[in-house]
PDB file of N, CA and C in Angstrom:
ATOM      1  N   UNK A   1     102.682  99.807  96.000  1.00  0.00           N
ATOM      2  CA  UNK A   1     101.611 100.208  95.160  1.00  0.00           C
ATOM      3  C   UNK A   1     101.545  99.053  94.080  1.00  0.00           C
ATOM      4  N   UNK A   2     100.298  98.451  93.609  1.00  0.00           N
ATOM      5  CA  UNK A   2     100.205  97.615  92.650  1.00  0.00           C
ATOM      6  C   UNK A   2      99.994  98.405  91.363  1.00  0.00           C
ATOM      7  N   UNK A   3     100.729  98.133  90.380  1.00  0.00           N
ATOM      8  CA  UNK A   3     100.516  98.710  89.021  1.00  0.00           C
ATOM      9  C   UNK A   3     100.138  97.566  87.962  1.00  0.00           C
ATOM     10  N   UNK A   4      98.891  97.757  87.428  1.00  0.00           N
ATOM     11  CA  UNK A   4      98.318  96.814  86.413  1.00  0.00           C
ATOM     12  C   UNK A   4      98.805  97.105  85.125  1.00  0.00           C
ATOM     13  N   UNK A   5      99.424  95.891  84.425  1.00  0.00           N
ATOM     14  CA  UNK A   5      99.618  96.057  83.044  1.00  0.00           C
ATOM     15  C   UNK A   5      98.538  95.478  82.372  1.00  0.00           C
ATOM     16  N   UNK A   6      97.784  96.247  81.395  1.00  0.00           N
ATOM     17  CA  UNK A   6      96.733  95.700  80.744  1.00  0.00           C
ATOM     18  C   UNK A   6      96.898  94.504  79.611  1.00  0.00           C
ATOM     19  N   UNK A   7      98.154  94.256  79.593  1.00  0.00           N
ATOM     20  CA  UNK A   7      98.435  93.258  78.525  1.00  0.00           C
ATOM     21  C   UNK A   7      98.831  91.909  79.335  1.00  0.00           C
ATOM     22  N   UNK A   8      98.586  92.069  80.678  1.00  0.00           N
ATOM     23  CA  UNK A   8      98.980  90.631  81.410  1.00  0.00           C
ATOM     24  C   UNK A   8      97.760  90.116  82.046  1.00  0.00           C
ATOM     25  N   UNK A   9      97.825  88.752  82.263  1.00  0.00           N
ATOM     26  CA  UNK A   9      96.539  88.031  82.876  1.00  0.00           C
ATOM     27  C   UNK A   9      96.771  88.332  84.360  1.00  0.00           C
ATOM     28  N   UNK A  10      95.474  88.769  84.812  1.00  0.00           N
ATOM     29  CA  UNK A  10      95.253  89.272  86.168  1.00  0.00           C
ATOM     30  C   UNK A  10      95.546  88.063  87.143  1.00  0.00           C
ATOM     31  N   UNK A  11      95.367  86.676  86.684  1.00  0.00           N
ATOM     32  CA  UNK A  11      95.538  85.491  87.529  1.00  0.00           C
ATOM     33  C   UNK A  11      96.863  85.043  87.553  1.00  0.00           C
ATOM     34  N   UNK A  12      97.497  84.765  86.444  1.00  0.00           N
ATOM     35  CA  UNK A  12      98.788  84.197  86.644  1.00  0.00           C
ATOM     36  C   UNK A  12      99.965  85.347  86.257  1.00  0.00           C
ATOM     37  N   UNK A  13      99.499  86.483  85.855  1.00  0.00           N
ATOM     38  CA  UNK A  13     100.570  87.667  85.750  1.00  0.00           C
ATOM     39  C   UNK A  13     101.540  87.512  84.341  1.00  0.00           C
ATOM     40  N   UNK A  14     101.253  86.424  83.636  1.00  0.00           N
ATOM     41  CA  UNK A  14     101.989  86.289  82.383  1.00  0.00           C
ATOM     42  C   UNK A  14     101.378  87.208  81.275  1.00  0.00           C
ATOM     43  N   UNK A  15     102.205  87.525  80.409  1.00  0.00           N
ATOM     44  CA  UNK A  15     101.598  88.369  79.261  1.00  0.00           C
ATOM     45  C   UNK A  15     100.503  87.661  78.372  1.00  0.00           C
ATOM     46  N   UNK A  16      99.752  88.378  77.863  1.00  0.00           N
ATOM     47  CA  UNK A  16      98.636  87.878  77.003  1.00  0.00           C
ATOM     48  C   UNK A  16      99.084  88.242  75.560  1.00  0.00           C
ATOM     49  N   UNK A  17      99.565  87.375  74.790  1.00  0.00           N
ATOM     50  CA  UNK A  17     100.159  87.383  73.597  1.00  0.00           C
ATOM     51  C   UNK A  17      99.312  87.789  72.506  1.00  0.00           C
ATOM     52  N   UNK A  18      99.604  88.443  71.429  1.00  0.00           N
ATOM     53  CA  UNK A  18      98.675  88.843  70.537  1.00  0.00           C
ATOM     54  C   UNK A  18      98.163  87.350  69.776  1.00  0.00           C
ATOM     55  N   UNK A  19      96.948  87.349  69.518  1.00  0.00           N
ATOM     56  CA  UNK A  19      96.342  86.100  68.963  1.00  0.00           C
ATOM     57  C   UNK A  19      95.755  85.150  70.070  1.00  0.00           C
ATOM     58  N   UNK A  20      96.158  85.194  71.363  1.00  0.00           N
ATOM     59  CA  UNK A  20      95.569  84.518  72.312  1.00  0.00           C
ATOM     60  C   UNK A  20      94.138  84.921  72.784  1.00  0.00           C
ATOM     61  N   UNK A  21      93.303  84.091  73.195  1.00  0.00           N
ATOM     62  CA  UNK A  21      91.978  84.524  73.496  1.00  0.00           C
ATOM     63  C   UNK A  21      92.013  84.789  74.858  1.00  0.00           C
ATOM     64  N   UNK A  22      91.300  85.904  75.308  1.00  0.00           N
ATOM     65  CA  UNK A  22      91.312  86.373  76.648  1.00  0.00           C
ATOM     66  C   UNK A  22      89.761  86.867  77.085  1.00  0.00           C
ATOM     67  N   UNK A  23      89.664  86.971  78.397  1.00  0.00           N
ATOM     68  CA  UNK A  23      88.322  87.552  78.854  1.00  0.00           C
ATOM     69  C   UNK A  23      88.645  88.882  79.543  1.00  0.00           C
ATOM     70  N   UNK A  24      87.642  89.782  79.491  1.00  0.00           N
ATOM     71  CA  UNK A  24      87.767  90.980  80.170  1.00  0.00           C
ATOM     72  C   UNK A  24      86.730  91.075  81.253  1.00  0.00           C
ATOM     73  N   UNK A  25      87.241  91.359  82.455  1.00  0.00           N
ATOM     74  CA  UNK A  25      86.123  91.673  83.514  1.00  0.00           C
ATOM     75  C   UNK A  25      86.228  93.091  83.949  1.00  0.00           C
ATOM     76  N   UNK A  26      84.998  93.714  84.078  1.00  0.00           N
ATOM     77  CA  UNK A  26      84.752  95.026  84.418  1.00  0.00           C
ATOM     78  C   UNK A  26      84.644  95.147  86.037  1.00  0.00           C
ATOM     79  N   UNK A  27      85.564  95.849  86.555  1.00  0.00           N
ATOM     80  CA  UNK A  27      85.649  96.017  87.987  1.00  0.00           C
ATOM     81  C   UNK A  27      85.230  97.398  88.536  1.00  0.00           C
ATOM     82  N   UNK A  28      84.242  97.693  89.335  1.00  0.00           N
ATOM     83  CA  UNK A  28      83.981  98.868  90.034  1.00  0.00           C
ATOM     84  C   UNK A  28      84.606  98.864  91.433  1.00  0.00           C
ATOM     85  N   UNK A  29      85.476  99.823  91.815  1.00  0.00           N
ATOM     86  CA  UNK A  29      85.944  99.861  93.194  1.00  0.00           C
ATOM     87  C   UNK A  29      86.138 101.243  93.480  1.00  0.00           C
ATOM     88  N   UNK A  30      85.908 101.692  94.752  1.00  0.00           N
ATOM     89  CA  UNK A  30      86.110 103.054  95.054  1.00  0.00           C
ATOM     90  C   UNK A  30      87.422 103.530  94.865  1.00  0.00           C
ATOM     91  N   UNK A  31      88.497 102.905  94.889  1.00  0.00           N
ATOM     92  CA  UNK A  31      89.846 103.388  94.623  1.00  0.00           C
ATOM     93  C   UNK A  31      89.915 103.896  93.183  1.00  0.00           C
ATOM     94  N   UNK A  32      88.915 103.452  92.129  1.00  0.00           N
ATOM     95  CA  UNK A  32      89.027 103.654  90.920  1.00  0.00           C
ATOM     96  C   UNK A  32      88.106 104.666  90.481  1.00  0.00           C
ATOM     97  N   UNK A  33      87.230 105.077  91.244  1.00  0.00           N
ATOM     98  CA  UNK A  33      86.115 105.910  90.879  1.00  0.00           C
ATOM     99  C   UNK A  33      86.301 107.217  90.227  1.00  0.00           C
ATOM    100  N   UNK A  34      87.563 107.740  90.456  1.00  0.00           N
ATOM    101  CA  UNK A  34      87.901 108.864  89.626  1.00  0.00           C
ATOM    102  C   UNK A  34      87.958 108.793  88.223  1.00  0.00           C
ATOM    103  N   UNK A  35      88.400 107.467  87.831  1.00  0.00           N
ATOM    104  CA  UNK A  35      88.607 107.327  86.393  1.00  0.00           C
ATOM    105  C   UNK A  35      87.498 106.215  85.949  1.00  0.00           C
ATOM    106  N   UNK A  36      86.433 106.136  86.774  1.00  0.00           N
ATOM    107  CA  UNK A  36      85.477 105.184  86.287  1.00  0.00           C
ATOM    108  C   UNK A  36      85.960 103.643  86.546  1.00  0.00           C
ATOM    109  N   UNK A  37      85.218 102.824  85.924  1.00  0.00           N
ATOM    110  CA  UNK A  37      85.742 101.334  86.077  1.00  0.00           C
ATOM    111  C   UNK A  37      86.968 101.044  85.447  1.00  0.00           C
ATOM    112  N   UNK A  38      87.659  99.854  85.980  1.00  0.00           N
ATOM    113  CA  UNK A  38      88.702  99.462  85.257  1.00  0.00           C
ATOM    114  C   UNK A  38      88.455  98.093  84.812  1.00  0.00           C
ATOM    115  N   UNK A  39      89.500  97.462  84.116  1.00  0.00           N
ATOM    116  CA  UNK A  39      89.337  96.098  83.437  1.00  0.00           C
ATOM    117  C   UNK A  39      90.534  95.219  83.837  1.00  0.00           C
ATOM    118  N   UNK A  40      90.122  93.971  84.142  1.00  0.00           N
ATOM    119  CA  UNK A  40      91.070  92.817  84.390  1.00  0.00           C
ATOM    120  C   UNK A  40      91.008  91.880  83.239  1.00  0.00           C
ATOM    121  N   UNK A  41      92.108  91.463  82.794  1.00  0.00           N
ATOM    122  CA  UNK A  41      92.031  90.427  81.718  1.00  0.00           C
ATOM    123  C   UNK A  41      92.681  89.061  82.244  1.00  0.00           C
ATOM    124  N   UNK A  42      92.147  88.055  81.460  1.00  0.00           N
ATOM    125  CA  UNK A  42      92.461  86.525  82.002  1.00  0.00           C
ATOM    126  C   UNK A  42      92.513  85.825  80.742  1.00  0.00           C
ATOM    127  N   UNK A  43      93.530  84.829  80.799  1.00  0.00           N
ATOM    128  CA  UNK A  43      93.665  83.844  79.659  1.00  0.00           C
ATOM    129  C   UNK A  43      92.324  83.065  79.645  1.00  0.00           C
ATOM    130  N   UNK A  44      91.903  82.907  78.259  1.00  0.00           N
ATOM    131  CA  UNK A  44      90.702  82.063  78.124  1.00  0.00           C
ATOM    132  C   UNK A  44      91.127  80.704  77.705  1.00  0.00           C
ATOM    133  N   UNK A  45      92.222  80.675  77.004  1.00  0.00           N
ATOM    134  CA  UNK A  45      92.598  79.449  76.446  1.00  0.00           C
ATOM    135  C   UNK A  45      93.302  78.634  77.531  1.00  0.00           C
ATOM    136  N   UNK A  46      93.417  77.277  77.307  1.00  0.00           N
ATOM    137  CA  UNK A  46      94.242  76.385  78.308  1.00  0.00           C
ATOM    138  C   UNK A  46      95.691  76.401  77.850  1.00  0.00           C
ATOM    139  N   UNK A  47      96.408  76.420  78.901  1.00  0.00           N
ATOM    140  CA  UNK A  47      98.074  76.231  78.847  1.00  0.00           C
ATOM    141  C   UNK A  47      98.081  74.573  78.692  1.00  0.00           C
ATOM    142  N   UNK A  48      99.349  74.211  77.996  1.00  0.00           N
ATOM    143  CA  UNK A  48      99.617  72.816  77.885  1.00  0.00           C
ATOM    144  C   UNK A  48      99.538  72.097  79.149  1.00  0.00           C
ATOM    145  N   UNK A  49      98.747  71.065  79.277  1.00  0.00           N
ATOM    146  CA  UNK A  49      98.806  70.286  80.496  1.00  0.00           C
ATOM    147  C   UNK A  49      97.769  70.898  81.695  1.00  0.00           C
ATOM    148  N   UNK A  50      97.145  71.963  81.449  1.00  0.00           N
ATOM    149  CA  UNK A  50      96.116  72.518  82.162  1.00  0.00           C
ATOM    150  C   UNK A  50      94.645  72.076  81.933  1.00  0.00           C
ATOM    151  N   UNK A  51      93.902  71.844  83.141  1.00  0.00           N
ATOM    152  CA  UNK A  51      92.644  71.304  82.967  1.00  0.00           C
ATOM    153  C   UNK A  51      91.586  72.560  82.669  1.00  0.00           C
ATOM    154  N   UNK A  52      92.047  73.769  83.279  1.00  0.00           N
ATOM    155  CA  UNK A  52      91.123  74.763  83.289  1.00  0.00           C
ATOM    156  C   UNK A  52      91.775  75.973  82.841  1.00  0.00           C
ATOM    157  N   UNK A  53      91.261  77.128  82.482  1.00  0.00           N
ATOM    158  CA  UNK A  53      91.933  78.339  82.051  1.00  0.00           C
ATOM    159  C   UNK A  53      92.070  79.227  83.306  1.00  0.00           C
ATOM    160  N   UNK A  54      92.880  80.326  83.080  1.00  0.00           N
ATOM    161  CA  UNK A  54      92.979  81.195  84.203  1.00  0.00           C
ATOM    162  C   UNK A  54      91.631  81.944  84.544  1.00  0.00           C
ATOM    163  N   UNK A  55      90.900  82.143  83.605  1.00  0.00           N
ATOM    164  CA  UNK A  55      89.539  82.676  83.761  1.00  0.00           C
ATOM    165  C   UNK A  55      88.655  81.670  84.559  1.00  0.00           C
ATOM    166  N   UNK A  56      88.727  80.491  84.312  1.00  0.00           N
ATOM    167  CA  UNK A  56      87.835  79.508  85.023  1.00  0.00           C
ATOM    168  C   UNK A  56      88.397  79.311  86.395  1.00  0.00           C
ATOM    169  N   UNK A  57      89.742  79.352  86.539  1.00  0.00           N
ATOM    170  CA  UNK A  57      90.447  79.276  87.992  1.00  0.00           C
ATOM    171  C   UNK A  57      89.859  80.471  88.848  1.00  0.00           C
ATOM    172  N   UNK A  58      89.727  81.621  88.174  1.00  0.00           N
ATOM    173  CA  UNK A  58      89.457  82.900  88.840  1.00  0.00           C
ATOM    174  C   UNK A  58      87.953  82.745  89.232  1.00  0.00           C
ATOM    175  N   UNK A  59      87.057  82.219  88.411  1.00  0.00           N
ATOM    176  CA  UNK A  59      85.691  82.211  88.871  1.00  0.00           C
ATOM    177  C   UNK A  59      85.530  81.098  89.816  1.00  0.00           C
ATOM    178  N   UNK A  60      86.271  79.996  89.748  1.00  0.00           N
ATOM    179  CA  UNK A  60      86.189  79.067  90.821  1.00  0.00           C
ATOM    180  C   UNK A  60      86.403  79.697  92.251  1.00  0.00           C
ATOM    181  N   UNK A  61      87.691  80.434  92.320  1.00  0.00           N
ATOM    182  CA  UNK A  61      88.010  81.107  93.390  1.00  0.00           C
ATOM    183  C   UNK A  61      86.991  81.979  94.140  1.00  0.00           C
ATOM    184  N   UNK A  62      86.266  82.846  93.206  1.00  0.00           N
ATOM    185  CA  UNK A  62      85.163  83.614  93.679  1.00  0.00           C
ATOM    186  C   UNK A  62      84.013  82.911  94.139  1.00  0.00           C
ATOM    187  N   UNK A  63      83.690  81.728  93.372  1.00  0.00           N
ATOM    188  CA  UNK A  63      82.617  80.951  93.897  1.00  0.00           C
ATOM    189  C   UNK A  63      82.948  80.416  95.326  1.00  0.00           C
ATOM    190  N   UNK A  64      84.063  79.867  95.346  1.00  0.00           N
ATOM    191  CA  UNK A  64      84.379  79.233  96.910  1.00  0.00           C
ATOM    192  C   UNK A  64      84.406  80.331  97.848  1.00  0.00           C
ATOM    193  N   UNK A  65      84.993  81.497  97.570  1.00  0.00           N
ATOM    194  CA  UNK A  65      84.913  82.562  98.652  1.00  0.00           C
ATOM    195  C   UNK A  65      83.451  82.986  99.087  1.00  0.00           C
ATOM    196  N   UNK A  66      82.526  83.120  97.797  1.00  0.00           N
ATOM    197  CA  UNK A  66      81.146  83.574  98.093  1.00  0.00           C
ATOM    198  C   UNK A  66      80.516  82.324  98.980  1.00  0.00           C
ATOM    199  N   UNK A  67      80.652  81.190  98.696  1.00  0.00           N
ATOM    200  CA  UNK A  67      79.945  79.979  99.489  1.00  0.00           C
ATOM    201  C   UNK A  67      80.559  79.865 100.775  1.00  0.00           C
ATOM    202  N   UNK A  68      81.926  80.402 100.950  1.00  0.00           N
ATOM    203  CA  UNK A  68      82.397  80.265 102.326  1.00  0.00           C
ATOM    204  C   UNK A  68      81.760  81.424 103.277  1.00  0.00           C
ATOM    205  N   UNK A  69      81.768  82.588 102.643  1.00  0.00           N
ATOM    206  CA  UNK A  69      81.151  83.829 103.229  1.00  0.00           C
ATOM    207  C   UNK A  69      79.483  83.426 103.669  1.00  0.00           C
ATOM    208  N   UNK A  70      78.863  82.728 102.703  1.00  0.00           N
ATOM    209  CA  UNK A  70      77.522  82.377 102.978  1.00  0.00           C
ATOM    210  C   UNK A  70      77.412  81.429 104.070  1.00  0.00           C
ATOM    211  N   UNK A  71      78.421  80.560 104.224  1.00  0.00           N
ATOM    212  CA  UNK A  71      78.397  79.318 105.301  1.00  0.00           C
ATOM    213  C   UNK A  71      78.672  80.033 106.653  1.00  0.00           C
ATOM    214  N   UNK A  72      79.447  81.037 106.679  1.00  0.00           N
ATOM    215  CA  UNK A  72      79.977  81.762 107.977  1.00  0.00           C
ATOM    216  C   UNK A  72      78.839  82.502 108.663  1.00  0.00           C
TER     217      UNK A  72
END
């Protein structure tokens, strides 16, 4: 069973430290309907040497999956 820590990035699974910028994504899934929506958090800032943030990587993966599903 996956246990989500609200203080960690849903993409890289590292802690989101106090003072770091982050993005919150609202998720509606049937598994969570009893408690309503839940939220995933992602780093909004770049790490040293990174070209895109965890949030941008997550959004790119969603877009690639959506495009692949549309092409199939």
